[in-house]
Amino acid sequence: MTNGSRKYSLNRAVDSMKQDGMTIFEYHTRMKCVCKELDSIVDLPQVISINNEIAVSIRALVKQQEQQKLFQFLNGSDEKYSSQRSQMLLLTPLPSVDMACGMLQQDKMQRGVLDG
């Protein structure tokens, strides 16, 4: 498979990934693996010298990429997490995907204790 085809396939997998009854941990792990593979085949130019302007641009790009991954993760999570999703999107700064996963797991455990 060509690099372009593989990138397309992985992007499509991330965009269409749904929790669909998996545990939040299983869903997070699956998404993280696909994203990691996608990140590994992205060709970026090597930066030889970094000035302040370049450093600010790189940080902004990384932040935007992390937010996109968060939105994809939350978008694919089961509907039972809709209120938690809404609460997370109000946070400033937005949580990382790892933190969002932890928050959803913690919420599920708390509900289990309250229901049980």
C-alpha atoms as a PDB file:
ATOM      1  CA  MET A   1       0.000   0.000   0.000  1.00  0.00           C
ATOM      2  CA  THR A   2       1.393   3.426  -0.900  1.00  0.00           C
ATOM      3  CA  ASN A   3       2.030   6.003   1.792  1.00  0.00           C
ATOM      4  CA  GLY A   4      -0.867   8.151   0.529  1.00  0.00           C
ATOM      5  CA  SER A   5      -3.229   5.189   0.573  1.00  0.00           C
ATOM      6  CA  ARG A   6      -2.133   4.215   4.077  1.00  0.00           C
ATOM      7  CA  LYS A   7      -2.565   7.790   5.360  1.00  0.00           C
ATOM      8  CA  TYR A   8      -6.027   7.919   3.808  1.00  0.00           C
ATOM      9  CA  SER A   9      -6.961   4.564   5.320  1.00  0.00           C
ATOM     10  CA  LEU A  10      -5.744   5.539   8.790  1.00  0.00           C
ATOM     11  CA  ASN A  11      -7.452   8.954   8.646  1.00  0.00           C
ATOM     12  CA  ARG A  12     -10.665   7.279   7.611  1.00  0.00           C
ATOM     13  CA  ALA A  13     -10.330   4.779  10.469  1.00  0.00           C
ATOM     14  CA  VAL A  14      -9.840   7.570  13.020  1.00  0.00           C
ATOM     15  CA  ASP A  15     -12.684   9.676  11.624  1.00  0.00           C
ATOM     16  CA  SER A  16     -15.146   6.785  11.642  1.00  0.00           C
ATOM     17  CA  MET A  17     -14.034   5.121  14.894  1.00  0.00           C
ATOM     18  CA  LYS A  18     -16.810   4.669  17.447  1.00  0.00           C
ATOM     19  CA  GLN A  19     -16.753   3.285  20.950  1.00  0.00           C
ATOM     20  CA  ASP A  20     -19.731   1.135  20.052  1.00  0.00           C
ATOM     21  CA  GLY A  21     -19.997  -0.665  23.396  1.00  0.00           C
ATOM     22  CA  MET A  22     -16.255  -1.116  24.019  1.00  0.00           C
ATOM     23  CA  THR A  23     -14.998  -0.004  27.391  1.00  0.00           C
ATOM     24  CA  ILE A  24     -13.692   3.547  27.351  1.00  0.00           C
ATOM     25  CA  PHE A  25     -10.184   2.135  27.924  1.00  0.00           C
ATOM     26  CA  GLU A  26     -10.449  -0.264  24.949  1.00  0.00           C
ATOM     27  CA  TYR A  27     -11.758   2.532  22.731  1.00  0.00           C
ATOM     28  CA  HIS A  28      -8.995   4.907  23.859  1.00  0.00           C
ATOM     29  CA  THR A  29      -6.307   2.275  23.249  1.00  0.00           C
ATOM     30  CA  ARG A  30      -7.606   1.455  19.766  1.00  0.00           C
ATOM     31  CA  MET A  31      -7.772   5.125  18.787  1.00  0.00           C
ATOM     32  CA  LYS A  32      -4.348   5.829  20.272  1.00  0.00           C
ATOM     33  CA  CYS A  33      -2.778   2.981  18.252  1.00  0.00           C
ATOM     34  CA  VAL A  34      -4.252   4.209  14.969  1.00  0.00           C
ATOM     35  CA  CYS A  35      -3.234   7.812  15.706  1.00  0.00           C
ATOM     36  CA  LYS A  36       0.289   6.713  16.645  1.00  0.00           C
ATOM     37  CA  GLU A  37       0.650   4.813  13.369  1.00  0.00           C
ATOM     38  CA  LEU A  38      -0.685   7.799  11.438  1.00  0.00           C
ATOM     39  CA  ASP A  39       1.718  10.156  13.220  1.00  0.00           C
ATOM     40  CA  SER A  40       4.630   7.838  12.387  1.00  0.00           C
ATOM     41  CA  ILE A  41       4.100   8.137   8.619  1.00  0.00           C
ATOM     42  CA  VAL A  42       3.585  11.895   8.440  1.00  0.00           C
ATOM     43  CA  ASP A  43       6.509  13.516   6.630  1.00  0.00           C
ATOM     44  CA  LEU A  44       7.488  16.782   8.278  1.00  0.00           C
ATOM     45  CA  PRO A  45      10.568  18.817   7.424  1.00  0.00           C
ATOM     46  CA  GLN A  46      13.418  18.739   9.899  1.00  0.00           C
ATOM     47  CA  VAL A  47      13.879  22.017  11.767  1.00  0.00           C
ATOM     48  CA  ILE A  48      17.570  22.842  12.118  1.00  0.00           C
ATOM     49  CA  SER A  49      17.381  26.054  14.096  1.00  0.00           C
ATOM     50  CA  ILE A  50      14.470  27.265  16.154  1.00  0.00           C
ATOM     51  CA  ASN A  51      13.775  30.884  16.935  1.00  0.00           C
ATOM     52  CA  ASN A  52      10.972  32.099  19.169  1.00  0.00           C
ATOM     53  CA  GLU A  53       8.546  32.572  16.261  1.00  0.00           C
ATOM     54  CA  ILE A  54       9.066  29.004  15.034  1.00  0.00           C
ATOM     55  CA  ALA A  55       8.735  27.626  18.583  1.00  0.00           C
ATOM     56  CA  VAL A  56       5.400  29.442  19.044  1.00  0.00           C
ATOM     57  CA  SER A  57       4.160  28.127  15.692  1.00  0.00           C
ATOM     58  CA  ILE A  58       5.165  24.552  16.535  1.00  0.00           C
ATOM     59  CA  ARG A  59       3.435  24.718  19.937  1.00  0.00           C
ATOM     60  CA  ALA A  60       0.266  26.076  18.279  1.00  0.00           C
ATOM     61  CA  LEU A  61       0.329  23.315  15.664  1.00  0.00           C
ATOM     62  CA  VAL A  62       0.819  20.605  18.305  1.00  0.00           C
ATOM     63  CA  LYS A  63      -2.019  22.082  20.384  1.00  0.00           C
ATOM     64  CA  GLN A  64      -4.317  22.108  17.352  1.00  0.00           C
ATOM     65  CA  GLN A  65      -3.450  18.477  16.547  1.00  0.00           C
ATOM     66  CA  GLU A  66      -4.117  17.405  20.140  1.00  0.00           C
ATOM     67  CA  GLN A  67      -7.466  19.215  20.137  1.00  0.00           C
ATOM     68  CA  GLN A  68      -8.420  17.486  16.879  1.00  0.00           C
ATOM     69  CA  LYS A  69      -7.631  14.108  18.457  1.00  0.00           C
ATOM     70  CA  LEU A  70      -9.738  15.049  21.504  1.00  0.00           C
ATOM     71  CA  PHE A  71     -12.681  16.020  19.294  1.00  0.00           C
ATOM     72  CA  GLN A  72     -12.410  12.750  17.359  1.00  0.00           C
ATOM     73  CA  PHE A  73     -12.234  10.769  20.611  1.00  0.00           C
ATOM     74  CA  LEU A  74     -15.234  12.526  22.143  1.00  0.00           C
ATOM     75  CA  ASN A  75     -17.202  12.354  18.901  1.00  0.00           C
ATOM     76  CA  GLY A  76     -16.828   8.570  18.805  1.00  0.00           C
ATOM     77  CA  SER A  77     -17.617   7.989  22.460  1.00  0.00           C
ATOM     78  CA  ASP A  78     -20.953   6.411  23.370  1.00  0.00           C
ATOM     79  CA  GLU A  79     -23.979   8.671  23.902  1.00  0.00           C
ATOM     80  CA  LYS A  80     -24.109   7.801  27.600  1.00  0.00           C
ATOM     81  CA  TYR A  81     -21.132  10.179  27.961  1.00  0.00           C
ATOM     82  CA  SER A  82     -22.871  13.157  26.328  1.00  0.00           C
ATOM     83  CA  SER A  83     -23.137  15.236  29.507  1.00  0.00           C
ATOM     84  CA  GLN A  84     -19.494  14.571  30.433  1.00  0.00           C
ATOM     85  CA  ARG A  85     -18.505  15.444  26.851  1.00  0.00           C
ATOM     86  CA  SER A  86     -20.290  18.777  27.128  1.00  0.00           C
ATOM     87  CA  GLN A  87     -18.637  19.528  30.471  1.00  0.00           C
ATOM     88  CA  MET A  88     -15.163  18.731  29.100  1.00  0.00           C
ATOM     89  CA  LEU A  89     -15.648  21.033  26.127  1.00  0.00           C
ATOM     90  CA  LEU A  90     -16.270  23.915  28.551  1.00  0.00           C
ATOM     91  CA  LEU A  91     -12.887  23.451  30.227  1.00  0.00           C
ATOM     92  CA  THR A  92     -10.075  25.893  29.566  1.00  0.00           C
ATOM     93  CA  PRO A  93      -7.670  24.605  28.521  1.00  0.00           C
ATOM     94  CA  LEU A  94      -9.273  21.567  26.930  1.00  0.00           C
ATOM     95  CA  PRO A  95      -8.116  18.266  28.419  1.00  0.00           C
ATOM     96  CA  SER A  96      -5.789  15.910  26.569  1.00  0.00           C
ATOM     97  CA  VAL A  97      -7.250  12.706  25.138  1.00  0.00           C
ATOM     98  CA  ASP A  98      -5.574  10.759  27.960  1.00  0.00           C
ATOM     99  CA  MET A  99      -7.107  13.060  30.556  1.00  0.00           C
ATOM    100  CA  ALA A 100     -10.546  12.869  28.896  1.00  0.00           C
ATOM    101  CA  CYS A 101     -10.336   9.077  28.919  1.00  0.00           C
ATOM    102  CA  GLY A 102      -9.451   9.140  32.623  1.00  0.00           C
ATOM    103  CA  MET A 103     -12.319  11.505  33.379  1.00  0.00           C
ATOM    104  CA  LEU A 104     -14.811   9.248  31.584  1.00  0.00           C
ATOM    105  CA  GLN A 105     -13.460   6.144  33.346  1.00  0.00           C
ATOM    106  CA  GLN A 106     -13.681   7.895  36.716  1.00  0.00           C
ATOM    107  CA  ASP A 107     -17.235   9.005  36.005  1.00  0.00           C
ATOM    108  CA  LYS A 108     -18.222   5.457  35.038  1.00  0.00           C
ATOM    109  CA  MET A 109     -16.682   4.063  38.252  1.00  0.00           C
ATOM    110  CA  GLN A 110     -18.468   6.687  40.360  1.00  0.00           C
ATOM    111  CA  ARG A 111     -21.786   5.907  38.709  1.00  0.00           C
ATOM    112  CA  GLY A 112     -21.163   2.211  39.355  1.00  0.00           C
ATOM    113  CA  VAL A 113     -20.614   2.896  43.045  1.00  0.00           C
ATOM    114  CA  LEU A 114     -23.716   5.077  43.248  1.00  0.00           C
ATOM    115  CA  ASP A 115     -25.845   2.581  41.297  1.00  0.00           C
ATOM    116  CA  GLY A 116     -24.585  -0.418  43.221  1.00  0.00           C
END
